[in-house]
Amino acid sequence: MRITCAVITLILALCAPLLSAEKTALAVMDFIARDVPREDAAKISILVRNELSNLPQYRTLDREQIVKAVGADIACDDVSCAVEAGKKLGARAVIVGSIMRFGENLTVTGRVIDSESGAVLMAEKERAVFQADEYY
């Protein structure tokens, strides 16, 4: 399984609770790198943002908008960070996650956090075999 397919599956699973008639403001924080290069986690974050931008029910905030509101380091994978960022950004929901390596496998985790209540609306993980070309 390619990591890109895993990310797309993760995106679809995370988006299910947010479906509504009006566009939902959504922020995707940079995923935390755990035992992988930080640049690789940033690439996964970019993929998630890009895919969500194609969905008509969301107004996905640009990374630059997030940096301007939150600060230069926008890597986040906990509820308090997500709630704080969501409030500063005026986003209804924030996606946070991490990418980890276990031996030769990658695991991508993600959670959708409600910015007002701090409730975890959905959590998901996907695994892929670790190879350099898995990102593509």
Foldseek 3Di string as FASTA:
>chain_A
DFVLVQLVVQLVQQCVVVDDDAAFEEEEFQEAEAADDSVLSNLSSVSSLVVVVPDPNYDYDDPVLLCVQPNDHRQDDALVSFLVSCVSNVGQWYKHWHWYDDPQKIKTKIFIAGNPPSDTPDIDMDMDGHDPPSSD
